[in-house]
């Protein structure tokens, strides 16, 4: 375990583990169950959510522009996406489709296309 390796050279009595900070980010929120932490990784750690818009809000306009340009250049490779189904606005309001795209699971994405006939 990383924490055991990190604290193996600790001097004296130490019940807090290594002094190396461990940072855990939670991406997404499909699973609404409690986040359970295992204290075996010591006491020097942080946990938080990572949210794109808040991250971008901390950057200057030049850097945000560079990141937008990167996405535009790599839209068909790094940032490519595929969809389980494309829905018109009318289809998006049908109860059976609402149940599909509102399900909290991975592996399926639905694209709502406003001008789809």
C-alpha atoms as a PDB file:
ATOM      1  CA  UNK A   1       0.000   0.000   0.000  1.00  0.00           C
ATOM      2  CA  UNK A   2       1.239   3.495  -0.867  1.00  0.00           C
ATOM      3  CA  UNK A   3       0.698   4.855   2.661  1.00  0.00           C
ATOM      4  CA  UNK A   4       2.667   2.012   4.260  1.00  0.00           C
ATOM      5  CA  UNK A   5       5.523   2.687   1.851  1.00  0.00           C
ATOM      6  CA  UNK A   6       5.360   6.438   2.445  1.00  0.00           C
ATOM      7  CA  UNK A   7       5.538   6.171   6.237  1.00  0.00           C
ATOM      8  CA  UNK A   8       8.080   3.333   6.548  1.00  0.00           C
ATOM      9  CA  UNK A   9      10.918   5.768   7.322  1.00  0.00           C
ATOM     10  CA  UNK A  10       8.957   7.803   9.898  1.00  0.00           C
ATOM     11  CA  UNK A  11      10.947   8.666  13.017  1.00  0.00           C
ATOM     12  CA  UNK A  12       9.532   8.228  16.516  1.00  0.00           C
ATOM     13  CA  UNK A  13       5.948   7.573  17.500  1.00  0.00           C
ATOM     14  CA  UNK A  14       3.636   8.389  14.614  1.00  0.00           C
ATOM     15  CA  UNK A  15      -0.041   7.496  14.546  1.00  0.00           C
ATOM     16  CA  UNK A  16      -0.899   9.853  11.705  1.00  0.00           C
ATOM     17  CA  UNK A  17       0.854   8.161   8.776  1.00  0.00           C
ATOM     18  CA  UNK A  18       3.131   9.808   6.246  1.00  0.00           C
ATOM     19  CA  UNK A  19       3.293  13.565   5.826  1.00  0.00           C
ATOM     20  CA  UNK A  20       2.713  13.250   2.057  1.00  0.00           C
ATOM     21  CA  UNK A  21      -0.598  14.847   1.145  1.00  0.00           C
ATOM     22  CA  UNK A  22      -3.004  12.612  -0.764  1.00  0.00           C
ATOM     23  CA  UNK A  23      -5.622  14.441  -2.855  1.00  0.00           C
ATOM     24  CA  UNK A  24      -8.771  12.622  -3.970  1.00  0.00           C
ATOM     25  CA  UNK A  25     -11.127  14.126  -6.552  1.00  0.00           C
ATOM     26  CA  UNK A  26     -14.670  12.904  -7.103  1.00  0.00           C
ATOM     27  CA  UNK A  27     -15.692  13.168 -10.745  1.00  0.00           C
ATOM     28  CA  UNK A  28     -19.383  13.057 -11.548  1.00  0.00           C
ATOM     29  CA  UNK A  29     -22.215  12.114  -9.291  1.00  0.00           C
ATOM     30  CA  UNK A  30     -24.004   9.091 -10.674  1.00  0.00           C
ATOM     31  CA  UNK A  31     -23.671   7.233  -7.382  1.00  0.00           C
ATOM     32  CA  UNK A  32     -25.542   9.079  -4.621  1.00  0.00           C
ATOM     33  CA  UNK A  33     -24.462   6.687  -1.868  1.00  0.00           C
ATOM     34  CA  UNK A  34     -22.160   8.025   0.870  1.00  0.00           C
ATOM     35  CA  UNK A  35     -18.468   8.374   0.081  1.00  0.00           C
ATOM     36  CA  UNK A  36     -16.686   5.984   2.433  1.00  0.00           C
ATOM     37  CA  UNK A  37     -13.109   6.767   3.372  1.00  0.00           C
ATOM     38  CA  UNK A  38     -10.592   4.211   4.609  1.00  0.00           C
ATOM     39  CA  UNK A  39      -8.386   5.798   7.276  1.00  0.00           C
ATOM     40  CA  UNK A  40      -5.579   3.339   6.486  1.00  0.00           C
ATOM     41  CA  UNK A  41      -4.143   5.947   4.131  1.00  0.00           C
ATOM     42  CA  UNK A  42      -3.148   8.195   7.016  1.00  0.00           C
ATOM     43  CA  UNK A  43      -4.431  11.572   8.092  1.00  0.00           C
ATOM     44  CA  UNK A  44      -2.790  13.882   5.550  1.00  0.00           C
ATOM     45  CA  UNK A  45      -5.333  13.973   2.752  1.00  0.00           C
ATOM     46  CA  UNK A  46      -8.007  16.059   1.087  1.00  0.00           C
ATOM     47  CA  UNK A  47     -11.124  15.161  -0.859  1.00  0.00           C
ATOM     48  CA  UNK A  48     -13.202  17.301  -3.162  1.00  0.00           C
ATOM     49  CA  UNK A  49     -15.219  17.457  -6.326  1.00  0.00           C
ATOM     50  CA  UNK A  50     -13.759  18.541  -9.646  1.00  0.00           C
ATOM     51  CA  UNK A  51     -16.092  20.774 -11.645  1.00  0.00           C
ATOM     52  CA  UNK A  52     -15.103  22.004 -15.092  1.00  0.00           C
ATOM     53  CA  UNK A  53     -16.874  25.369 -15.016  1.00  0.00           C
ATOM     54  CA  UNK A  54     -15.437  26.283 -11.616  1.00  0.00           C
ATOM     55  CA  UNK A  55     -11.974  25.247 -12.816  1.00  0.00           C
ATOM     56  CA  UNK A  56     -12.318  27.446 -15.906  1.00  0.00           C
ATOM     57  CA  UNK A  57     -13.569  30.316 -13.731  1.00  0.00           C
ATOM     58  CA  UNK A  58     -10.232  30.375 -11.895  1.00  0.00           C
ATOM     59  CA  UNK A  59      -8.213  30.792 -15.102  1.00  0.00           C
ATOM     60  CA  UNK A  60      -7.427  33.972 -16.994  1.00  0.00           C
ATOM     61  CA  UNK A  61      -9.150  34.544 -20.339  1.00  0.00           C
ATOM     62  CA  UNK A  62      -6.016  33.724 -22.329  1.00  0.00           C
ATOM     63  CA  UNK A  63      -5.700  30.257 -20.766  1.00  0.00           C
ATOM     64  CA  UNK A  64      -9.418  29.544 -21.178  1.00  0.00           C
ATOM     65  CA  UNK A  65      -9.070  30.484 -24.857  1.00  0.00           C
ATOM     66  CA  UNK A  66      -6.130  28.093 -25.222  1.00  0.00           C
ATOM     67  CA  UNK A  67      -8.151  25.258 -23.692  1.00  0.00           C
ATOM     68  CA  UNK A  68     -11.158  25.975 -25.911  1.00  0.00           C
ATOM     69  CA  UNK A  69      -8.816  25.923 -28.926  1.00  0.00           C
ATOM     70  CA  UNK A  70      -7.383  22.564 -27.802  1.00  0.00           C
ATOM     71  CA  UNK A  71     -10.872  21.079 -27.582  1.00  0.00           C
ATOM     72  CA  UNK A  72     -11.759  22.473 -31.015  1.00  0.00           C
ATOM     73  CA  UNK A  73      -8.595  20.982 -32.555  1.00  0.00           C
ATOM     74  CA  UNK A  74      -9.152  17.566 -30.932  1.00  0.00           C
ATOM     75  CA  UNK A  75     -12.953  17.332 -31.134  1.00  0.00           C
ATOM     76  CA  UNK A  76     -12.775  14.189 -33.304  1.00  0.00           C
ATOM     77  CA  UNK A  77      -9.985  12.475 -31.339  1.00  0.00           C
ATOM     78  CA  UNK A  78      -9.309  13.215 -27.658  1.00  0.00           C
ATOM     79  CA  UNK A  79     -12.706  14.819 -27.087  1.00  0.00           C
ATOM     80  CA  UNK A  80     -14.755  12.645 -29.443  1.00  0.00           C
ATOM     81  CA  UNK A  81     -18.097  11.490 -28.148  1.00  0.00           C
ATOM     82  CA  UNK A  82     -20.684   8.968 -29.211  1.00  0.00           C
ATOM     83  CA  UNK A  83     -24.320   8.786 -28.251  1.00  0.00           C
ATOM     84  CA  UNK A  84     -26.681   5.938 -27.556  1.00  0.00           C
ATOM     85  CA  UNK A  85     -29.494   7.870 -29.173  1.00  0.00           C
ATOM     86  CA  UNK A  86     -30.219  11.299 -30.633  1.00  0.00           C
ATOM     87  CA  UNK A  87     -33.564  12.748 -29.587  1.00  0.00           C
ATOM     88  CA  UNK A  88     -35.647  15.607 -30.946  1.00  0.00           C
ATOM     89  CA  UNK A  89     -37.212  17.988 -28.414  1.00  0.00           C
ATOM     90  CA  UNK A  90     -40.524  16.195 -28.877  1.00  0.00           C
ATOM     91  CA  UNK A  91     -38.896  12.783 -28.318  1.00  0.00           C
ATOM     92  CA  UNK A  92     -37.055  14.117 -25.259  1.00  0.00           C
ATOM     93  CA  UNK A  93     -40.411  14.819 -23.587  1.00  0.00           C
ATOM     94  CA  UNK A  94     -41.793  11.313 -24.058  1.00  0.00           C
ATOM     95  CA  UNK A  95     -41.886   9.522 -20.675  1.00  0.00           C
ATOM     96  CA  UNK A  96     -40.074   6.419 -21.943  1.00  0.00           C
ATOM     97  CA  UNK A  97     -37.183   8.573 -23.214  1.00  0.00           C
ATOM     98  CA  UNK A  98     -37.084  10.684 -20.039  1.00  0.00           C
ATOM     99  CA  UNK A  99     -36.645   7.436 -18.090  1.00  0.00           C
ATOM    100  CA  UNK A 100     -33.747   6.455 -20.371  1.00  0.00           C
ATOM    101  CA  UNK A 101     -31.719   9.672 -20.264  1.00  0.00           C
ATOM    102  CA  UNK A 102     -32.448  10.348 -16.593  1.00  0.00           C
ATOM    103  CA  UNK A 103     -31.089   6.957 -15.479  1.00  0.00           C
ATOM    104  CA  UNK A 104     -27.989   7.320 -13.306  1.00  0.00           C
ATOM    105  CA  UNK A 105     -25.600   4.951 -15.060  1.00  0.00           C
ATOM    106  CA  UNK A 106     -22.457   5.001 -17.118  1.00  0.00           C
ATOM    107  CA  UNK A 107     -21.978   3.905 -20.701  1.00  0.00           C
ATOM    108  CA  UNK A 108     -24.978   5.668 -22.223  1.00  0.00           C
ATOM    109  CA  UNK A 109     -25.376   9.249 -23.404  1.00  0.00           C
ATOM    110  CA  UNK A 110     -28.307  10.882 -25.103  1.00  0.00           C
ATOM    111  CA  UNK A 111     -28.030  13.946 -27.329  1.00  0.00           C
ATOM    112  CA  UNK A 112     -31.002  16.283 -27.615  1.00  0.00           C
ATOM    113  CA  UNK A 113     -30.983  17.827 -31.092  1.00  0.00           C
ATOM    114  CA  UNK A 114     -33.421  20.780 -31.152  1.00  0.00           C
ATOM    115  CA  UNK A 115     -33.699  20.928 -34.958  1.00  0.00           C
ATOM    116  CA  UNK A 116     -34.198  17.177 -35.437  1.00  0.00           C
ATOM    117  CA  UNK A 117     -37.511  16.545 -37.224  1.00  0.00           C
END
